[in-house]
N, C-alpha and C. Protein backbone atom coordinates (compact mmCIF):
# COMPACT_ATOMS: atom_id res chain seq x y z
N MET A 1 0.81 -0.97 0.01
CA MET A 1 -0.12 -0.17 -0.04
C MET A 1 0.95 1.41 0.03
N SER A 2 0.73 2.02 -0.70
CA SER A 2 1.49 3.40 -1.11
C SER A 2 0.93 4.40 -0.13
N LYS A 3 1.88 5.22 0.30
CA LYS A 3 1.68 6.14 1.16
C LYS A 3 0.80 7.09 1.03
N GLN A 4 -0.35 7.80 1.71
CA GLN A 4 -1.21 8.70 1.23
C GLN A 4 -1.30 10.20 1.90
N TYR A 5 -0.14 10.21 2.52
CA TYR A 5 0.13 11.62 3.44
C TYR A 5 1.51 11.74 3.62
N MET A 6 2.05 13.06 3.58
CA MET A 6 3.34 13.18 3.83
C MET A 6 3.78 14.69 4.69
N LEU A 7 4.60 14.76 5.30
CA LEU A 7 4.85 15.93 5.97
C LEU A 7 5.99 16.49 5.47
N LYS A 8 5.84 17.98 5.46
CA LYS A 8 6.77 18.77 4.57
C LYS A 8 6.98 20.13 5.56
N GLU A 9 8.29 20.33 5.94
CA GLU A 9 8.61 21.60 6.78
C GLU A 9 8.48 22.74 6.01
N VAL A 10 7.73 23.58 6.63
CA VAL A 10 7.58 25.02 6.25
C VAL A 10 7.67 26.09 7.19
N ASP A 11 7.92 27.11 6.68
CA ASP A 11 8.27 28.41 7.82
C ASP A 11 6.86 28.94 8.07
N ALA A 12 6.92 29.46 9.21
CA ALA A 12 5.93 30.26 10.03
C ALA A 12 6.29 31.33 10.67
N SER A 13 5.63 32.43 10.62
CA SER A 13 6.26 33.73 11.48
C SER A 13 4.90 34.49 12.25
N SER A 14 5.42 35.15 13.30
CA SER A 14 4.01 35.83 14.01
C SER A 14 4.44 37.10 13.72
N GLU A 15 3.31 37.93 14.01
CA GLU A 15 3.51 39.56 13.76
C GLU A 15 4.55 40.08 14.62
N ALA A 16 4.90 39.70 15.66
CA ALA A 16 6.09 40.22 16.58
C ALA A 16 7.45 39.53 15.99
N GLY A 17 7.48 39.13 14.74
CA GLY A 17 8.82 38.47 14.13
C GLY A 17 9.27 37.33 14.51
N ASP A 18 8.64 36.48 15.40
CA ASP A 18 9.14 35.21 15.87
C ASP A 18 8.75 34.11 14.56
N LYS A 19 9.91 33.45 14.37
CA LYS A 19 9.81 32.51 13.27
C LYS A 19 10.07 31.10 13.64
N ILE A 20 9.30 30.03 13.27
CA ILE A 20 9.43 28.69 13.70
C ILE A 20 9.34 27.83 12.29
N ILE A 21 9.57 26.56 12.38
CA ILE A 21 9.49 25.58 11.30
C ILE A 21 8.52 24.55 11.95
N VAL A 22 7.42 24.62 11.22
CA VAL A 22 6.34 23.46 11.38
C VAL A 22 6.39 22.36 10.46
N GLU A 23 5.67 21.34 10.38
CA GLU A 23 5.46 20.47 9.43
C GLU A 23 4.00 20.38 8.76
N GLN A 24 3.97 20.77 7.39
CA GLN A 24 2.51 20.79 6.93
C GLN A 24 2.13 19.37 6.39
N ILE A 25 0.80 19.25 6.36
CA ILE A 25 0.34 17.74 6.07
C ILE A 25 0.08 17.91 4.54
N TYR A 26 0.76 16.85 3.63
CA TYR A 26 0.01 16.63 2.31
C TYR A 26 -0.62 15.65 2.21
N GLU A 27 -1.48 15.70 1.01
CA GLU A 27 -2.30 14.38 0.64
C GLU A 27 -2.09 14.08 -0.76
N LYS A 28 -1.70 12.80 -1.00
CA LYS A 28 -1.48 12.36 -2.52
C LYS A 28 -2.77 12.64 -3.22
N MET A 29 -2.80 13.11 -4.29
CA MET A 29 -4.09 13.33 -5.14
C MET A 29 -3.63 12.71 -6.56
N PRO A 30 -4.57 11.88 -7.01
CA PRO A 30 -4.31 11.51 -8.47
C PRO A 30 -4.58 12.58 -9.42
N THR A 31 -3.91 12.08 -10.70
CA THR A 31 -4.11 13.25 -11.60
C THR A 31 -5.43 13.19 -12.09
N MET A 32 -5.88 14.04 -12.79
CA MET A 32 -7.38 14.22 -13.61
C MET A 32 -7.39 13.59 -14.94
N ASP A 33 -6.36 13.35 -15.38
CA ASP A 33 -6.23 12.30 -16.73
C ASP A 33 -6.25 10.63 -16.26
N VAL A 34 -7.19 10.28 -16.97
CA VAL A 34 -7.35 8.65 -16.61
C VAL A 34 -6.25 7.86 -17.00
N ASN A 35 -5.73 8.45 -18.34
CA ASN A 35 -4.63 7.75 -19.04
C ASN A 35 -3.20 7.61 -18.60
N ILE A 36 -3.12 8.72 -17.43
CA ILE A 36 -1.74 8.87 -17.02
C ILE A 36 -1.76 8.30 -15.39
N ASN A 37 -0.88 7.33 -15.04
CA ASN A 37 -0.74 6.73 -13.80
C ASN A 37 0.04 7.57 -13.01
N ASP A 38 -0.26 8.81 -12.55
CA ASP A 38 0.51 9.56 -11.94
C ASP A 38 -0.16 10.26 -10.71
N PHE A 39 0.53 11.15 -10.02
CA PHE A 39 -0.11 11.69 -8.88
C PHE A 39 0.62 12.89 -8.48
N SER A 40 -0.06 13.89 -7.59
CA SER A 40 0.60 15.21 -6.96
C SER A 40 0.47 14.78 -5.40
N TRP A 41 1.24 16.03 -4.80
CA TRP A 41 0.59 16.14 -3.42
C TRP A 41 0.21 17.36 -3.37
N SER A 42 -0.99 17.49 -2.39
CA SER A 42 -1.65 18.92 -2.27
C SER A 42 -1.78 18.99 -0.80
N PRO A 43 -1.51 20.35 -0.33
CA PRO A 43 -1.38 20.58 0.99
C PRO A 43 -2.71 20.81 1.79
N LEU A 44 -2.90 20.35 2.77
CA LEU A 44 -4.11 20.16 3.71
C LEU A 44 -3.91 21.53 4.66
N PHE A 45 -5.01 22.02 5.11
CA PHE A 45 -5.18 22.93 6.10
C PHE A 45 -4.98 22.77 7.47
N LYS A 46 -3.51 21.71 7.64
CA LYS A 46 -3.33 21.26 8.87
C LYS A 46 -1.69 21.18 8.96
N VAL A 47 -1.32 21.61 10.11
CA VAL A 47 0.04 21.60 10.56
C VAL A 47 0.62 20.54 11.69
N VAL A 48 1.78 20.27 11.87
CA VAL A 48 1.98 19.44 13.05
C VAL A 48 3.15 20.22 13.87
N ILE A 49 2.82 20.13 14.94
CA ILE A 49 3.82 20.61 15.98
C ILE A 49 3.88 19.74 17.32
N THR A 50 5.15 19.22 17.49
CA THR A 50 5.44 18.07 18.51
C THR A 50 4.27 17.17 18.48
N ASP A 51 3.92 16.28 17.47
CA ASP A 51 3.05 15.25 17.41
C ASP A 51 1.55 15.92 17.85
N LYS A 52 1.24 16.90 17.52
CA LYS A 52 0.00 17.68 17.60
C LYS A 52 -0.31 18.21 16.41
N VAL A 53 -1.59 17.86 15.84
CA VAL A 53 -2.20 18.13 14.66
C VAL A 53 -3.07 19.24 14.77
N ILE A 54 -2.69 20.51 14.10
CA ILE A 54 -3.68 21.84 14.30
C ILE A 54 -4.16 22.33 13.04
N GLU A 55 -5.47 22.82 13.32
CA GLU A 55 -6.23 23.10 11.92
C GLU A 55 -5.67 24.42 11.67
N LEU A 56 -5.58 24.94 10.51
CA LEU A 56 -5.17 26.03 9.67
C LEU A 56 -6.33 26.90 9.44
N ASN A 57 -6.32 28.12 9.94
CA ASN A 57 -7.49 29.16 9.08
C ASN A 57 -7.46 29.23 7.95
N ASP A 58 -8.38 29.84 7.39
CA ASP A 58 -8.48 30.15 5.94
C ASP A 58 -7.45 30.91 5.62
N ASP A 59 -6.93 32.00 6.30
CA ASP A 59 -5.65 32.76 5.87
C ASP A 59 -4.36 32.26 6.18
N LEU A 60 -4.25 30.79 6.66
CA LEU A 60 -3.06 30.05 6.71
C LEU A 60 -2.36 30.45 8.20
N THR A 61 -3.33 30.98 8.83
CA THR A 61 -2.74 31.13 10.31
C THR A 61 -3.16 30.10 11.41
N PHE A 62 -2.48 30.00 12.40
CA PHE A 62 -2.94 28.88 13.46
C PHE A 62 -2.40 29.77 14.71
N THR A 63 -2.80 29.04 16.01
CA THR A 63 -2.36 29.79 17.24
C THR A 63 -1.56 28.42 17.55
N HIS A 64 -0.37 28.85 18.25
CA HIS A 64 0.64 27.90 18.69
C HIS A 64 0.22 27.32 20.10
N PRO A 65 0.00 26.09 20.19
CA PRO A 65 -0.68 25.55 21.26
C PRO A 65 -0.07 25.63 22.86
N ARG A 66 1.51 26.16 22.63
CA ARG A 66 2.05 26.27 23.84
C ARG A 66 2.01 27.89 24.39
N THR A 67 2.72 28.51 23.43
CA THR A 67 2.64 29.80 23.64
C THR A 67 1.43 30.80 23.42
N GLY A 68 0.37 30.13 22.44
CA GLY A 68 -0.87 31.15 22.28
C GLY A 68 -0.44 32.02 21.25
N LYS A 69 0.76 32.18 20.68
CA LYS A 69 0.79 33.43 19.58
C LYS A 69 0.58 32.91 18.35
N VAL A 70 -0.02 33.85 17.43
CA VAL A 70 -0.48 33.49 16.19
C VAL A 70 0.30 33.56 15.32
N PHE A 71 0.43 32.35 14.42
CA PHE A 71 1.50 32.12 13.24
C PHE A 71 0.95 32.27 12.11
N ARG A 72 1.54 32.64 11.05
CA ARG A 72 0.92 32.57 9.37
C ARG A 72 2.05 31.85 8.74
N LEU A 73 1.71 30.66 7.85
CA LEU A 73 2.79 30.15 7.16
C LEU A 73 3.22 30.86 6.09
N SER A 74 4.36 30.81 5.84
CA SER A 74 4.98 31.47 4.41
C SER A 74 5.01 30.90 3.37
N SER A 75 4.64 31.71 2.42
CA SER A 75 4.27 31.11 1.08
C SER A 75 5.71 31.17 0.16
């Protein structure tokens, strides 16, 4: 069975200038062309911080569970 999800390190920063690295969850997505047996990875609105999955807001922000600071993913 092939892997359906992967973690990718991404940068995040707060308005105060704090920078951290978190892992964003990506899901394997098949191509739209049924004649091609290929796939791509699509980012989910979730990040992982020390084994805890955190939902992202629509604007790619999240509240750090330990500090309470709001961080935004860098694009």
